[in-house]
Amino acid sequence: MFVPQSAVLENPISPKRFSTFPEVSRFRVLVADDQQDILLALRLLLVQNGYQVETVNSPQTVLDALASRPFDVLLMDLNYARDTTSGREGMDLLDRLAHLENLPPIVAMTAWATLDLTIEGMRRGVCDFVLKPWDNRELLAILEQQIARGKRQRLEHQDQAALRDVQQGLLPKTMPSITGCELSGVCLAASTVGGDYFDAVRLADRQVALCVGDVSGKGLPAALLMANLQAAVHAYADGGIEPQTLCQKVNHIICGNIAVDRFITFFYATLDLASHRLRYTNAGHNAPVLLRQDGSYERLETGGLVLGVNPKACYEQGELDLAAGDRLILFTDGVTEAVNPKGEEYGEQRLLHLLIESRHLGATVLRETVVDSVKRFSGGRLKDDSTVVVAVIP
């Protein structure tokens, strides 16, 4: 391919005059092309404008370089066989790159751009395109834009990781040991930080409180509300307070610390294993399932309004007798609203059918059975945090 010398040697661009970054030299560019003259021309252009440059000449060497050291942007050709112009080798490479962690923004180069090729490339992870022969100023501008984009994404990922640590720190590391009850719980994290919360609080030797909640929204606001919810629950949970009273008190606190467009669905129950009595209040949450040994079940719906909407809201309380072999299953909507590749939701009926079929399993195995089923259904791609808590009465 002919590359005009003017594309490299003329029209020099000073990094101090062009770049928005104070120290361009700290940015690393990986350039991939199978033609040596192209690699040389791009190296000259980028080095004279302050970039650190590494060149490779095949799909495999691209993978090897990205797997061994970090780069701020990948500038890659889509064709590596001189007798083809389809870009198929580049598309296959993009599929392989998608499995790498910390992948930098990708800028694709091609002399044979078509609308179909552009759409397919974007779908496979290309952030921008450069036509050959290239314009120096346009190429440098695209690289700087994509480097800035990658920097923002890295900061966002760091923030997400910090928030995820905060969220996980609020969840119980282990479930309490209660005579006459087997407990198990887990929160599956989605790609973004949500507001799922669950807890198990030992009230007495044979009494335990179980709760689950889901804060509307994502990110820092959801994490802060979740922390607020946990603090309020722990402040009021004790052997003497009824679930409806706790929900009223927690709701009053949440209403004073929540934005007008936010709310929390919440379920709180106390299990008295001595009297085999379950007391609960449901504040707008997905109704838990009390599954009996014979396969019959009850949905725990009694309660009232979601938390955070009306500080004067009143709540009702439900009471049920527990029997040997009963299983109480709490969950968030991340379970029932998990979506498969066809766009179908997992749904409550599928969950109920699974629970009935698995009603003889212990708490941990039953919880794992639900989690595995949801993961298989969604292909492991959860759009929301998914929480499952199981209590078994032996």
Protein backbone atom coordinates (compact mmCIF):
# COMPACT_ATOMS: atom_id res chain seq x y z
CA MET A 1 0.00 0.00 0.00
CA PHE A 2 1.29 3.46 -0.89
CA VAL A 3 1.75 5.77 2.08
CA PRO A 4 2.60 9.37 1.13
CA GLN A 5 5.71 10.70 2.80
CA SER A 6 3.80 13.87 3.56
CA ALA A 7 1.60 11.82 5.89
CA VAL A 8 4.61 11.32 8.11
CA LEU A 9 7.46 13.71 7.43
CA GLU A 10 5.55 16.88 6.60
CA ASN A 11 2.97 18.66 8.72
CA PRO A 12 4.81 17.90 11.99
CA ILE A 13 2.68 18.46 15.06
CA SER A 14 4.21 19.61 18.30
CA PRO A 15 2.93 17.67 21.32
CA LYS A 16 3.00 20.85 23.40
CA ARG A 17 0.88 22.69 20.83
CA PHE A 18 -1.50 19.85 19.94
CA SER A 19 -1.90 17.64 22.98
CA THR A 20 -4.34 18.27 25.78
CA PHE A 21 -2.14 16.15 28.07
CA PRO A 22 0.83 17.73 29.86
CA GLU A 23 3.02 14.64 29.40
CA VAL A 24 2.07 12.66 26.31
CA SER A 25 5.17 10.49 26.61
CA ARG A 26 3.63 8.55 29.48
CA PHE A 27 1.00 7.12 27.10
CA ARG A 28 1.74 3.81 25.41
CA VAL A 29 0.40 2.95 21.95
CA LEU A 30 0.38 -0.58 20.54
CA VAL A 31 0.37 -0.47 16.72
CA ALA A 32 -0.53 -3.62 14.77
CA ASP A 33 -0.09 -4.01 11.00
CA ASP A 34 1.48 -6.66 8.76
CA GLN A 35 3.20 -4.11 6.48
CA GLN A 36 6.57 -2.90 7.68
CA ASP A 37 6.37 0.46 5.87
CA ILE A 38 3.08 1.24 7.63
CA LEU A 39 4.56 0.36 11.02
CA LEU A 40 7.60 2.55 10.34
CA ALA A 41 5.49 5.51 9.23
CA LEU A 42 3.23 5.29 12.27
CA ARG A 43 6.15 4.86 14.65
CA LEU A 44 7.82 8.02 13.25
CA LEU A 45 4.62 10.03 13.55
CA LEU A 46 3.78 8.91 17.09
CA VAL A 47 7.29 9.06 18.53
CA GLN A 48 7.86 12.59 17.23
CA ASN A 49 4.62 13.56 18.98
CA GLY A 50 5.73 12.19 22.31
CA TYR A 51 4.14 8.73 22.49
CA GLN A 52 5.77 5.50 23.56
CA VAL A 53 5.21 3.09 20.68
CA GLU A 54 5.39 -0.67 20.34
CA THR A 55 4.73 -2.35 16.98
CA VAL A 56 3.55 -5.88 16.19
CA ASN A 57 2.70 -7.53 12.87
CA SER A 58 0.16 -10.33 13.48
CA PRO A 59 -2.99 -11.12 15.50
CA GLN A 60 -1.09 -13.44 17.81
CA THR A 61 1.58 -10.84 18.61
CA VAL A 62 -1.22 -8.37 19.44
CA LEU A 63 -2.62 -10.83 21.97
CA ASP A 64 0.82 -11.58 23.40
CA ALA A 65 1.67 -7.90 23.86
CA LEU A 66 -1.65 -7.00 25.52
CA ALA A 67 -1.45 -10.01 27.83
CA SER A 68 2.03 -9.08 29.07
CA ARG A 69 1.98 -5.29 29.56
CA PRO A 70 -0.46 -2.35 29.72
CA PHE A 71 -1.22 0.04 26.84
CA ASP A 72 -3.33 3.17 26.68
CA VAL A 73 -4.67 2.54 23.18
CA LEU A 74 -4.50 -0.14 20.48
CA LEU A 75 -4.17 1.06 16.86
CA MET A 76 -4.76 -2.04 14.73
CA ASP A 77 -5.20 -2.98 11.10
CA LEU A 78 -8.17 -5.16 10.18
CA ASN A 79 -6.41 -7.05 7.35
CA TYR A 80 -3.37 -9.25 7.88
CA ALA A 81 -3.45 -11.23 4.61
CA ARG A 82 -2.53 -9.10 1.59
CA ASP A 83 -4.86 -10.94 -0.76
CA THR A 84 -7.99 -10.15 1.26
CA THR A 85 -9.91 -6.97 2.02
CA SER A 86 -12.76 -8.41 4.08
CA GLY A 87 -11.35 -7.49 7.48
CA ARG A 88 -12.27 -10.99 8.68
CA GLU A 89 -8.91 -11.55 10.38
CA GLY A 90 -9.40 -8.31 12.27
CA MET A 91 -12.93 -9.28 13.31
CA ASP A 92 -11.71 -12.64 14.57
CA LEU A 93 -8.98 -10.86 16.51
CA LEU A 94 -11.55 -8.51 18.08
CA ASP A 95 -13.51 -11.54 19.33
CA ARG A 96 -10.37 -12.89 20.99
CA LEU A 97 -9.51 -9.49 22.47
CA ALA A 98 -12.93 -9.28 24.12
CA HIS A 99 -11.85 -11.94 26.62
CA LEU A 100 -8.84 -9.96 27.87
CA GLU A 101 -8.94 -7.96 31.09
CA ASN A 102 -7.98 -4.27 31.09
CA LEU A 103 -8.35 -4.02 27.32
CA PRO A 104 -7.46 -0.49 26.11
CA PRO A 105 -9.65 1.44 23.64
CA ILE A 106 -9.32 0.07 20.10
CA VAL A 107 -8.86 2.23 17.00
CA ALA A 108 -9.10 0.23 13.76
CA MET A 109 -7.27 1.11 10.54
CA THR A 110 -8.46 0.00 7.11
CA ALA A 111 -8.28 1.07 3.48
CA TRP A 112 -11.51 -0.73 2.65
CA ALA A 113 -14.07 0.77 5.00
CA THR A 114 -17.74 -0.01 4.38
CA LEU A 115 -20.84 0.69 6.46
CA ASP A 116 -21.26 -3.01 7.23
CA LEU A 117 -17.62 -3.33 8.28
CA THR A 118 -17.89 -0.26 10.50
CA ILE A 119 -21.07 -1.48 12.22
CA GLU A 120 -19.64 -4.96 12.77
CA GLY A 121 -16.38 -3.53 14.12
CA MET A 122 -18.20 -1.25 16.58
CA ARG A 123 -20.30 -4.19 17.74
CA ARG A 124 -17.12 -6.15 18.45
CA GLY A 125 -15.43 -3.41 20.45
CA VAL A 126 -13.87 -0.89 18.03
CA CYS A 127 -14.11 2.63 19.44
CA ASP A 128 -13.15 4.56 16.27
CA PHE A 129 -11.86 4.08 12.71
CA VAL A 130 -8.95 5.57 10.75
CA LEU A 131 -8.87 5.35 6.95
CA LYS A 132 -5.63 4.63 5.10
CA PRO A 133 -3.83 6.72 3.99
CA TRP A 134 -4.39 8.71 7.13
CA ASP A 135 -4.33 12.39 7.98
CA ASN A 136 -1.80 13.06 10.74
CA ARG A 137 -3.86 15.59 12.62
CA GLU A 138 -7.02 13.49 12.49
CA LEU A 139 -5.17 10.34 13.61
CA LEU A 140 -3.55 12.09 16.57
CA ALA A 141 -6.86 13.66 17.59
CA ILE A 142 -8.59 10.26 17.55
CA LEU A 143 -5.82 8.69 19.62
CA GLU A 144 -6.01 11.44 22.24
CA GLN A 145 -9.80 11.15 22.41
CA GLN A 146 -9.60 7.40 22.93
CA ILE A 147 -6.80 7.66 25.50
CA ALA A 148 -8.93 10.13 27.47
CA ARG A 149 -11.88 7.74 27.13
CA GLY A 150 -9.80 4.85 28.43
CA LYS A 151 -8.61 6.93 31.38
CA ARG A 152 -12.20 7.79 32.31
CA GLN A 153 -13.18 4.12 32.09
CA ARG A 154 -10.30 3.07 34.33
CA LEU A 155 -11.31 5.65 36.94
CA GLU A 156 -14.92 4.48 36.74
CA HIS A 157 -13.82 0.87 37.19
CA GLN A 158 -11.75 1.87 40.22
CA ASP A 159 -14.75 3.69 41.69
CA GLN A 160 -16.96 0.68 41.00
CA ALA A 161 -14.46 -1.63 42.68
CA ALA A 162 -14.30 0.63 45.75
CA LEU A 163 -18.10 0.77 45.95
CA ARG A 164 -18.30 -2.97 45.51
CA ASP A 165 -15.94 -3.40 48.46
CA VAL A 166 -18.18 -1.11 50.53
CA GLN A 167 -21.28 -3.08 49.55
CA GLN A 168 -19.69 -6.45 50.28
CA GLY A 169 -18.45 -5.13 53.61
CA LEU A 170 -22.04 -4.45 54.67
CA LEU A 171 -23.16 -8.01 53.97
CA PRO A 172 -22.67 -10.76 56.56
CA LYS A 173 -19.45 -12.72 56.10
CA THR A 174 -21.03 -15.79 57.72
CA MET A 175 -24.55 -16.62 58.83
CA PRO A 176 -25.13 -17.00 62.58
CA SER A 177 -25.41 -20.47 64.08
CA ILE A 178 -28.92 -20.92 65.49
CA THR A 179 -30.15 -24.11 67.16
CA GLY A 180 -33.03 -25.51 65.13
CA CYS A 181 -32.35 -23.55 61.94
CA GLU A 182 -29.94 -23.83 59.01
CA LEU A 183 -29.13 -20.54 57.25
CA SER A 184 -27.44 -19.64 53.98
CA GLY A 185 -27.29 -16.42 51.96
CA VAL A 186 -25.44 -14.82 49.06
CA CYS A 187 -25.50 -11.68 46.92
CA LEU A 188 -24.35 -12.10 43.31
CA ALA A 189 -22.79 -8.88 42.07
CA ALA A 190 -23.75 -7.50 38.67
CA SER A 191 -21.37 -5.37 36.58
CA THR A 192 -22.48 -2.16 38.27
CA VAL A 193 -22.92 -1.58 41.98
CA GLY A 194 -26.53 -1.97 42.99
CA GLY A 195 -28.27 -1.79 46.32
CA ASP A 196 -29.06 -5.35 47.34
CA TYR A 197 -28.85 -5.99 51.07
CA PHE A 198 -29.46 -9.02 53.25
CA ASP A 199 -28.72 -9.79 56.85
CA ALA A 200 -29.20 -12.33 59.63
CA VAL A 201 -29.16 -11.05 63.21
CA ARG A 202 -29.02 -13.40 66.17
CA LEU A 203 -31.61 -12.23 68.70
CA ALA A 204 -31.39 -15.03 71.26
CA ASP A 205 -30.30 -18.66 71.51
CA ARG A 206 -33.24 -19.78 69.39
CA GLN A 207 -34.31 -16.54 67.76
CA VAL A 208 -33.00 -14.96 64.57
CA ALA A 209 -34.02 -12.00 62.42
CA LEU A 210 -33.75 -12.28 58.63
CA CYS A 211 -34.07 -9.37 56.24
CA VAL A 212 -33.54 -8.54 52.60
CA GLY A 213 -33.76 -5.22 50.80
CA ASP A 214 -33.25 -3.64 47.40
CA VAL A 215 -32.33 0.03 47.06
CA SER A 216 -33.50 1.67 43.84
CA GLY A 217 -30.76 2.99 41.58
CA LYS A 218 -27.08 2.18 41.16
CA GLY A 219 -23.65 3.43 42.13
CA LEU A 220 -22.72 5.64 45.05
CA PRO A 221 -26.29 6.81 45.93
CA ALA A 222 -27.46 3.18 46.19
CA ALA A 223 -24.42 2.17 48.24
CA LEU A 224 -24.95 5.05 50.69
CA LEU A 225 -28.63 4.19 51.13
CA MET A 226 -27.76 0.56 51.66
CA ALA A 227 -25.33 1.56 54.41
CA ASN A 228 -28.03 3.75 55.94
CA LEU A 229 -30.50 0.87 55.86
CA GLN A 230 -28.08 -1.55 57.49
CA ALA A 231 -27.26 0.90 60.29
CA ALA A 232 -30.95 1.51 61.00
CA VAL A 233 -31.79 -2.21 61.05
CA HIS A 234 -28.93 -2.99 63.42
CA ALA A 235 -29.93 -0.08 65.67
CA TYR A 236 -33.46 -1.41 66.20
CA ALA A 237 -33.21 -5.19 65.80
CA ASP A 238 -33.52 -6.94 69.12
CA GLY A 239 -35.65 -9.67 70.64
CA GLY A 240 -38.36 -7.32 71.81
CA ILE A 241 -39.26 -5.33 68.70
CA GLU A 242 -41.94 -6.52 66.32
CA PRO A 243 -41.26 -6.51 62.55
CA GLN A 244 -43.98 -3.93 61.84
CA THR A 245 -42.53 -1.59 64.47
CA LEU A 246 -39.02 -1.99 63.14
CA CYS A 247 -40.21 -1.18 59.61
CA GLN A 248 -41.97 1.95 60.84
CA LYS A 249 -38.85 3.16 62.66
CA VAL A 250 -36.49 2.32 59.80
CA ASN A 251 -38.83 3.96 57.30
CA HIS A 252 -38.85 7.18 59.34
CA ILE A 253 -35.04 7.29 59.27
CA ILE A 254 -34.82 6.47 55.55
CA CYS A 255 -37.35 9.17 54.68
CA GLY A 256 -35.05 11.75 56.26
CA ASN A 257 -32.05 10.61 54.22
CA ILE A 258 -33.38 9.76 50.79
CA ALA A 259 -33.86 11.68 47.53
CA VAL A 260 -37.40 12.14 46.25
CA ASP A 261 -36.88 9.70 43.36
CA ARG A 262 -35.47 6.88 45.50
CA PHE A 263 -37.03 4.11 47.60
CA ILE A 264 -36.19 0.77 49.21
CA THR A 265 -38.11 -2.48 49.04
CA PHE A 266 -37.60 -4.35 52.30
CA PHE A 267 -38.63 -7.53 54.10
CA TYR A 268 -37.99 -8.26 57.78
CA ALA A 269 -38.88 -11.41 59.70
CA THR A 270 -38.17 -12.95 63.08
CA LEU A 271 -38.01 -16.71 63.52
CA ASP A 272 -38.65 -18.06 67.01
CA LEU A 273 -37.47 -21.65 66.88
CA ALA A 274 -38.67 -22.38 70.43
CA SER A 275 -42.30 -21.52 69.66
CA HIS A 276 -41.98 -22.33 65.93
CA ARG A 277 -43.45 -18.94 65.09
CA LEU A 278 -42.59 -16.68 62.15
CA ARG A 279 -43.47 -12.96 62.31
CA TYR A 280 -42.81 -10.70 59.33
CA THR A 281 -43.50 -7.40 57.58
CA ASN A 282 -43.08 -6.87 53.85
CA ALA A 283 -42.42 -3.27 52.75
CA GLY A 284 -43.09 -3.61 49.03
CA HIS A 285 -40.50 -6.36 48.44
CA ASN A 286 -40.77 -9.47 46.28
CA ALA A 287 -42.87 -11.78 48.43
CA PRO A 288 -40.65 -14.47 50.01
CA VAL A 289 -41.71 -18.10 49.80
CA LEU A 290 -42.49 -20.28 52.82
CA LEU A 291 -42.22 -23.73 51.29
CA ARG A 292 -43.79 -26.66 53.11
CA GLN A 293 -42.44 -30.22 53.09
CA ASP A 294 -45.40 -31.47 51.01
CA GLY A 295 -44.67 -28.96 48.21
CA SER A 296 -47.35 -26.43 49.16
CA TYR A 297 -46.21 -22.88 49.79
CA GLU A 298 -47.27 -19.47 51.03
CA ARG A 299 -46.16 -16.05 49.75
CA LEU A 300 -45.33 -13.56 52.52
CA GLU A 301 -46.97 -10.36 51.27
CA THR A 302 -48.44 -8.69 54.39
CA GLY A 303 -46.86 -5.33 55.17
CA GLY A 304 -47.15 -1.98 53.50
CA LEU A 305 -45.48 0.74 51.43
CA VAL A 306 -41.86 0.67 50.29
CA LEU A 307 -39.43 2.50 52.58
CA GLY A 308 -38.53 6.13 51.95
CA VAL A 309 -41.77 7.44 50.45
CA ASN A 310 -44.01 8.41 53.39
CA PRO A 311 -42.54 8.99 56.87
CA LYS A 312 -45.97 8.36 58.43
CA ALA A 313 -46.56 5.04 56.68
CA CYS A 314 -48.02 2.27 58.82
CA TYR A 315 -47.22 -1.40 58.41
CA GLU A 316 -49.08 -4.62 59.05
CA GLN A 317 -47.55 -7.82 60.35
CA GLY A 318 -48.06 -11.41 59.30
CA GLU A 319 -47.65 -14.47 61.55
CA LEU A 320 -47.29 -18.10 60.58
CA ASP A 321 -46.50 -21.37 62.31
CA LEU A 322 -43.30 -23.14 61.34
CA ALA A 323 -42.98 -26.91 61.01
CA ALA A 324 -40.13 -29.34 60.56
CA GLY A 325 -39.08 -29.43 56.92
CA ASP A 326 -40.19 -25.87 56.15
CA ARG A 327 -37.95 -23.71 53.98
CA LEU A 328 -38.07 -19.92 53.90
CA ILE A 329 -36.62 -18.37 50.73
CA LEU A 330 -35.94 -14.64 50.43
CA PHE A 331 -34.79 -13.13 47.13
CA THR A 332 -34.47 -9.87 45.21
CA ASP A 333 -35.81 -9.04 41.76
CA GLY A 334 -32.37 -9.58 40.25
CA VAL A 335 -33.23 -13.29 40.45
CA THR A 336 -36.65 -13.23 38.81
CA GLU A 337 -35.75 -10.49 36.30
CA ALA A 338 -32.59 -12.18 35.03
CA VAL A 339 -32.77 -12.28 31.22
CA ASN A 340 -31.61 -14.95 28.79
CA PRO A 341 -30.14 -14.21 25.31
CA LYS A 342 -33.67 -14.31 23.85
CA GLY A 343 -34.78 -11.50 26.16
CA GLU A 344 -36.98 -13.77 28.30
CA GLU A 345 -37.11 -13.22 32.06
CA TYR A 346 -36.40 -15.97 34.56
CA GLY A 347 -39.70 -15.17 36.29
CA GLU A 348 -41.33 -16.16 39.56
CA GLN A 349 -43.07 -19.24 38.16
CA ARG A 350 -39.75 -20.73 37.09
CA LEU A 351 -38.34 -20.00 40.55
CA LEU A 352 -41.34 -21.54 42.33
CA HIS A 353 -41.13 -24.67 40.19
CA LEU A 354 -37.43 -25.04 41.01
CA LEU A 355 -38.03 -24.51 44.73
CA ILE A 356 -40.78 -27.13 44.85
CA GLU A 357 -38.62 -29.66 43.02
CA SER A 358 -35.67 -28.90 45.36
CA ARG A 359 -37.65 -28.71 48.61
CA HIS A 360 -35.72 -31.57 50.28
CA LEU A 361 -32.32 -29.88 49.93
CA GLY A 362 -30.44 -28.23 52.78
CA ALA A 363 -30.09 -24.45 53.01
CA THR A 364 -26.70 -24.11 51.31
CA VAL A 365 -27.39 -26.61 48.54
CA LEU A 366 -30.83 -25.10 47.87
CA ARG A 367 -29.33 -21.62 47.68
CA GLU A 368 -26.62 -22.88 45.29
CA THR A 369 -29.25 -24.63 43.18
CA VAL A 370 -31.16 -21.38 42.70
CA VAL A 371 -27.98 -19.42 41.92
CA ASP A 372 -26.75 -22.00 39.40
CA SER A 373 -30.14 -22.06 37.69
CA VAL A 374 -30.21 -18.27 37.30
CA LYS A 375 -26.61 -18.20 36.04
CA ARG A 376 -27.30 -20.87 33.42
CA PHE A 377 -30.48 -19.14 32.32
CA SER A 378 -28.81 -15.75 31.88
CA GLY A 379 -25.54 -17.06 30.50
CA GLY A 380 -23.80 -15.60 33.53
CA ARG A 381 -24.73 -12.04 32.54
CA LEU A 382 -26.70 -10.49 35.37
CA LYS A 383 -28.17 -7.06 34.75
CA ASP A 384 -28.81 -6.50 38.45
CA ASP A 385 -27.50 -7.77 41.77
CA SER A 386 -29.21 -11.03 42.73
CA THR A 387 -29.67 -12.06 46.35
CA VAL A 388 -30.90 -15.38 47.75
CA VAL A 389 -31.35 -16.20 51.44
CA VAL A 390 -32.56 -19.62 52.63
CA ALA A 391 -33.61 -20.77 56.09
CA VAL A 392 -34.39 -24.45 56.72
CA ILE A 393 -36.21 -25.84 59.73
CA PRO A 394 -34.81 -29.37 60.20
